[in-house]
């Protein structure tokens, strides 16, 4: 049976500075260190990035009709590339890639082979497109230099988030990274759906241990997860450590210098240690 859904709006989701401070304190108590990631030093680079041809045309309204939605999506792309530091000849995977402009950027600007993975594609590997679950990607062991998830990880239902972490350990080369942003992290472990059909609710992989289950019709997505610090530790950080990955959790600061309406607050990087 699906959980009872509360039409709560966004009242359980607090991304104010005081709320983020409390989350950071809880993470420290749980032994999960955090590090500030300031957007301010990237302003000039981001302004240049925003002029790329990939952001022209219909993509300008892909994330929403307001300009700050384009700013949010393009900032996510820019920062993931800044962290990945792509080099010619590398192999990347854009997870949940449908309609993303990032694979084209990687090919055109960085000479990187980028696979586009998504559940909506035909099953299997077809050129640079992969139809699969992110928890089971049909590529060889240690074949990927980096993977990126832009507003994707929160949609992984059931235990697919934990399974994806283990898949990272299999796929990444030594020194390889997976970059998750935004990481949706709040005081409350919440599951959210925009689906209003009760028959669909029965098929959604809700977390049995979530604190709140929210129906937000205007959100218009099947499933979303906001981790609490404890849920993040159990579902992601500990499995990453057990699989031999090094988790790095960054708290974004100075994002207001771009637009106060942005929602990027946390970035998670999982790195496979370099061979000794």
Protein backbone atom coordinates (compact mmCIF):
# COMPACT_ATOMS: atom_id res chain seq x y z
CA UNK A 1 0.00 0.00 0.00
CA UNK A 2 1.27 3.50 -0.78
CA UNK A 3 1.67 5.87 2.17
CA UNK A 4 -0.93 8.45 3.02
CA UNK A 5 0.00 11.59 1.11
CA UNK A 6 -0.36 15.00 2.72
CA UNK A 7 -1.15 18.03 0.57
CA UNK A 8 1.44 20.04 2.43
CA UNK A 9 2.92 22.24 -0.24
CA UNK A 10 6.58 22.90 0.49
CA UNK A 11 6.24 23.51 4.23
CA UNK A 12 8.58 20.63 5.16
CA UNK A 13 11.30 21.89 2.81
CA UNK A 14 13.38 24.66 4.35
CA UNK A 15 16.49 25.92 2.53
CA UNK A 16 16.95 29.09 4.53
CA UNK A 17 20.38 29.84 5.99
CA UNK A 18 19.37 28.94 9.59
CA UNK A 19 17.91 25.63 8.40
CA UNK A 20 21.07 24.85 6.46
CA UNK A 21 23.17 25.65 9.53
CA UNK A 22 21.17 23.12 11.57
CA UNK A 23 21.59 20.49 8.86
CA UNK A 24 25.32 21.10 8.78
CA UNK A 25 25.52 20.71 12.56
CA UNK A 26 23.66 17.40 12.36
CA UNK A 27 25.98 16.17 9.61
CA UNK A 28 29.02 17.01 11.75
CA UNK A 29 27.53 15.08 14.67
CA UNK A 30 27.05 12.08 12.36
CA UNK A 31 30.66 12.20 11.21
CA UNK A 32 29.90 13.60 7.74
CA UNK A 33 32.22 16.56 7.10
CA UNK A 34 31.11 19.41 4.86
CA UNK A 35 33.05 22.06 2.99
CA UNK A 36 31.90 25.43 1.65
CA UNK A 37 31.81 25.77 -2.12
CA UNK A 38 31.63 29.45 -3.02
CA UNK A 39 30.02 30.40 -6.30
CA UNK A 40 31.59 33.89 -6.18
CA UNK A 41 34.97 32.96 -7.77
CA UNK A 42 33.11 31.41 -10.71
CA UNK A 43 31.05 34.44 -11.71
CA UNK A 44 33.12 35.43 -14.75
CA UNK A 45 33.42 31.85 -15.97
CA UNK A 46 29.71 31.30 -15.50
CA UNK A 47 28.81 34.44 -17.45
CA UNK A 48 30.87 33.16 -20.38
CA UNK A 49 29.34 29.69 -20.02
CA UNK A 50 25.83 31.15 -20.18
CA UNK A 51 26.59 32.48 -23.67
CA UNK A 52 27.19 29.01 -25.12
CA UNK A 53 25.07 28.15 -28.14
CA UNK A 54 23.49 25.20 -26.30
CA UNK A 55 21.45 27.63 -24.18
CA UNK A 56 19.85 29.29 -27.17
CA UNK A 57 16.48 28.24 -28.56
CA UNK A 58 13.96 26.07 -26.75
CA UNK A 59 16.32 25.05 -23.91
CA UNK A 60 15.94 28.56 -22.50
CA UNK A 61 12.57 27.52 -21.07
CA UNK A 62 13.31 23.84 -20.42
CA UNK A 63 13.67 24.28 -16.66
CA UNK A 64 10.77 26.74 -16.43
CA UNK A 65 9.57 29.96 -18.03
CA UNK A 66 11.42 32.27 -15.64
CA UNK A 67 14.98 33.43 -16.30
CA UNK A 68 16.20 32.23 -12.90
CA UNK A 69 15.26 28.67 -13.95
CA UNK A 70 17.70 28.90 -16.86
CA UNK A 71 20.29 30.36 -14.49
CA UNK A 72 19.82 27.44 -12.12
CA UNK A 73 20.16 24.74 -14.78
CA UNK A 74 23.13 26.38 -16.50
CA UNK A 75 24.87 26.94 -13.15
CA UNK A 76 24.45 23.26 -12.32
CA UNK A 77 26.05 22.38 -15.65
CA UNK A 78 28.88 24.88 -15.24
CA UNK A 79 29.80 23.79 -11.73
CA UNK A 80 29.70 20.08 -12.56
CA UNK A 81 32.12 20.74 -15.42
CA UNK A 82 34.31 22.86 -13.16
CA UNK A 83 34.51 19.98 -10.68
CA UNK A 84 34.99 17.28 -13.34
CA UNK A 85 37.75 19.16 -15.19
CA UNK A 86 37.11 17.26 -18.46
CA UNK A 87 40.09 16.33 -20.60
CA UNK A 88 40.24 15.23 -24.26
CA UNK A 89 39.86 11.49 -24.69
CA UNK A 90 37.97 10.91 -21.45
CA UNK A 91 34.71 9.00 -21.13
CA UNK A 92 31.73 10.47 -19.28
CA UNK A 93 28.14 9.50 -18.57
CA UNK A 94 25.34 12.03 -18.18
CA UNK A 95 22.84 10.28 -15.91
CA UNK A 96 19.16 10.97 -16.53
CA UNK A 97 20.23 12.78 -19.65
CA UNK A 98 17.01 13.15 -21.64
CA UNK A 99 16.95 16.68 -23.17
CA UNK A 100 20.25 17.65 -21.50
CA UNK A 101 22.62 19.92 -23.39
CA UNK A 102 25.68 18.79 -21.43
CA UNK A 103 26.69 15.83 -23.64
CA UNK A 104 26.89 18.13 -26.65
CA UNK A 105 29.06 20.57 -24.72
CA UNK A 106 31.44 17.82 -23.66
CA UNK A 107 31.83 16.57 -27.21
CA UNK A 108 32.09 19.95 -28.89
CA UNK A 109 34.24 21.83 -26.38
CA UNK A 110 36.24 19.14 -24.58
CA UNK A 111 36.54 16.19 -27.01
CA UNK A 112 35.04 13.88 -24.38
CA UNK A 113 33.00 10.84 -25.29
CA UNK A 114 29.80 11.30 -23.35
CA UNK A 115 27.16 8.62 -23.02
CA UNK A 116 23.59 9.77 -22.47
CA UNK A 117 21.86 7.44 -20.00
CA UNK A 118 18.13 7.48 -19.34
CA UNK A 119 15.30 5.06 -18.59
CA UNK A 120 13.27 6.51 -21.47
CA UNK A 121 15.76 5.36 -24.13
CA UNK A 122 15.52 1.89 -25.77
CA UNK A 123 17.23 -0.72 -23.60
CA UNK A 124 20.92 -1.29 -24.19
CA UNK A 125 23.80 0.72 -25.62
CA UNK A 126 23.03 2.36 -28.96
CA UNK A 127 25.94 4.53 -30.00
CA UNK A 128 26.29 7.11 -27.25
CA UNK A 129 22.82 6.49 -25.83
CA UNK A 130 22.14 4.02 -23.05
CA UNK A 131 18.68 2.84 -22.07
CA UNK A 132 18.92 1.46 -18.54
CA UNK A 133 18.38 2.05 -14.87
CA UNK A 134 21.14 4.18 -13.35
CA UNK A 135 21.61 1.31 -10.90
CA UNK A 136 22.63 -1.07 -13.70
CA UNK A 137 24.47 0.59 -16.58
CA UNK A 138 25.74 -1.80 -19.29
CA UNK A 139 29.30 -0.50 -19.52
CA UNK A 140 32.52 -2.32 -18.54
CA UNK A 141 34.11 -2.10 -15.10
CA UNK A 142 36.40 0.90 -14.54
CA UNK A 143 35.53 2.42 -17.92
CA UNK A 144 34.26 5.89 -16.94
CA UNK A 145 36.22 8.99 -15.95
CA UNK A 146 33.27 10.94 -14.56
CA UNK A 147 29.50 10.93 -14.29
CA UNK A 148 27.15 13.85 -13.73
CA UNK A 149 23.62 14.10 -12.36
CA UNK A 150 21.74 17.39 -12.72
CA UNK A 151 18.43 17.43 -10.81
CA UNK A 152 18.36 13.65 -11.30
CA UNK A 153 19.44 11.79 -8.15
CA UNK A 154 16.37 12.85 -6.17
CA UNK A 155 14.11 10.99 -8.62
CA UNK A 156 15.64 7.55 -7.97
CA UNK A 157 12.86 5.45 -6.45
CA UNK A 158 13.16 2.64 -3.94
CA UNK A 159 16.76 1.60 -3.32
CA UNK A 160 18.00 2.87 -6.70
CA UNK A 161 19.93 5.67 -4.98
CA UNK A 162 21.97 3.21 -2.91
CA UNK A 163 22.34 0.86 -5.86
CA UNK A 164 23.61 3.70 -8.04
CA UNK A 165 26.31 4.48 -5.49
CA UNK A 166 27.53 0.89 -5.75
CA UNK A 167 27.37 1.09 -9.54
CA UNK A 168 29.66 4.14 -9.35
CA UNK A 169 32.25 2.06 -7.54
CA UNK A 170 32.13 -0.48 -10.38
CA UNK A 171 32.15 1.93 -13.31
CA UNK A 172 34.57 4.66 -12.26
CA UNK A 173 38.23 4.49 -13.15
CA UNK A 174 40.75 5.14 -10.38
CA UNK A 175 40.51 8.87 -9.68
CA UNK A 176 37.08 9.01 -11.33
CA UNK A 177 34.20 11.01 -9.89
CA UNK A 178 30.45 11.20 -9.91
CA UNK A 179 29.01 14.67 -9.33
CA UNK A 180 25.50 15.06 -7.92
CA UNK A 181 23.91 18.49 -7.91
CA UNK A 182 21.75 19.66 -6.46
CA UNK A 183 21.74 17.18 -3.62
CA UNK A 184 18.38 17.75 -1.95
CA UNK A 185 19.22 17.73 1.74
CA UNK A 186 16.97 19.11 4.49
CA UNK A 187 16.10 18.57 8.14
CA UNK A 188 13.27 16.21 7.16
CA UNK A 189 13.39 13.01 5.15
CA UNK A 190 10.54 13.68 2.69
CA UNK A 191 9.11 11.91 -0.34
CA UNK A 192 7.22 14.06 -2.81
CA UNK A 193 5.04 13.32 -5.81
CA UNK A 194 3.19 15.53 -8.24
CA UNK A 195 1.01 12.64 -9.42
CA UNK A 196 -2.63 13.00 -8.39
CA UNK A 197 -3.81 9.58 -9.62
CA UNK A 198 -4.02 7.13 -6.71
CA UNK A 199 -3.44 4.21 -9.10
CA UNK A 200 -0.04 5.67 -9.97
CA UNK A 201 0.82 6.10 -6.28
CA UNK A 202 0.64 2.32 -5.86
CA UNK A 203 3.47 1.91 -8.37
CA UNK A 204 5.83 4.55 -6.96
CA UNK A 205 8.79 3.30 -4.91
CA UNK A 206 8.29 5.45 -1.83
CA UNK A 207 10.77 5.12 1.05
CA UNK A 208 9.22 3.16 3.91
CA UNK A 209 11.17 5.19 6.47
CA UNK A 210 10.46 8.72 5.21
CA UNK A 211 9.07 11.11 7.79
CA UNK A 212 6.67 12.93 5.46
CA UNK A 213 4.94 12.00 2.20
CA UNK A 214 3.81 15.06 0.26
CA UNK A 215 1.48 15.49 -2.69
CA UNK A 216 2.38 18.68 -4.57
CA UNK A 217 0.45 18.66 -7.88
CA UNK A 218 2.14 21.75 -9.30
CA UNK A 219 5.53 20.02 -9.02
CA UNK A 220 4.55 17.71 -11.93
CA UNK A 221 7.09 14.96 -11.27
CA UNK A 222 6.48 11.32 -10.36
CA UNK A 223 8.83 11.07 -7.37
CA UNK A 224 11.33 13.15 -5.44
CA UNK A 225 13.38 12.58 -2.30
CA UNK A 226 14.74 15.12 0.15
CA UNK A 227 17.26 13.48 2.46
CA UNK A 228 17.62 14.19 6.14
CA UNK A 229 21.23 13.99 7.40
CA UNK A 230 20.51 10.57 8.90
CA UNK A 231 18.88 9.30 5.70
CA UNK A 232 21.80 10.56 3.62
CA UNK A 233 24.24 8.74 5.90
CA UNK A 234 22.33 5.45 5.72
CA UNK A 235 21.36 5.49 2.07
CA UNK A 236 24.35 7.16 0.41
CA UNK A 237 27.39 8.03 2.52
CA UNK A 238 27.85 4.70 4.31
CA UNK A 239 27.26 2.63 1.15
CA UNK A 240 29.78 4.82 -0.69
CA UNK A 241 32.39 4.29 2.00
CA UNK A 242 31.69 0.55 2.08
CA UNK A 243 32.17 0.41 -1.70
CA UNK A 244 35.55 2.12 -1.43
CA UNK A 245 34.46 5.56 -2.60
CA UNK A 246 35.37 8.86 -0.95
CA UNK A 247 32.31 11.08 -0.39
CA UNK A 248 32.78 14.86 -0.40
CA UNK A 249 29.81 17.00 0.59
CA UNK A 250 29.86 20.69 -0.34
CA UNK A 251 27.55 23.43 0.88
CA UNK A 252 27.08 26.09 -1.77
CA UNK A 253 27.57 29.67 -0.62
CA UNK A 254 27.35 33.05 -2.36
CA UNK A 255 24.79 31.68 -4.84
CA UNK A 256 22.81 34.88 -4.21
CA UNK A 257 25.40 36.75 -6.25
CA UNK A 258 23.77 35.18 -9.33
CA UNK A 259 20.11 35.23 -8.30
CA UNK A 260 18.48 34.95 -4.85
CA UNK A 261 15.86 32.56 -6.23
CA UNK A 262 18.29 29.75 -7.06
CA UNK A 263 17.82 26.47 -5.20
CA UNK A 264 21.29 24.90 -5.44
CA UNK A 265 22.44 24.38 -1.84
CA UNK A 266 24.41 21.11 -1.70
CA UNK A 267 26.76 19.21 -4.01
CA UNK A 268 27.86 15.63 -3.44
CA UNK A 269 30.97 14.20 -5.10
CA UNK A 270 31.83 10.51 -4.87
CA UNK A 271 35.39 9.73 -5.90
CA UNK A 272 37.14 6.45 -6.51
CA UNK A 273 40.65 6.70 -5.06
CA UNK A 274 43.53 6.80 -7.51
CA UNK A 275 45.60 3.66 -7.81
CA UNK A 276 48.74 3.72 -5.71
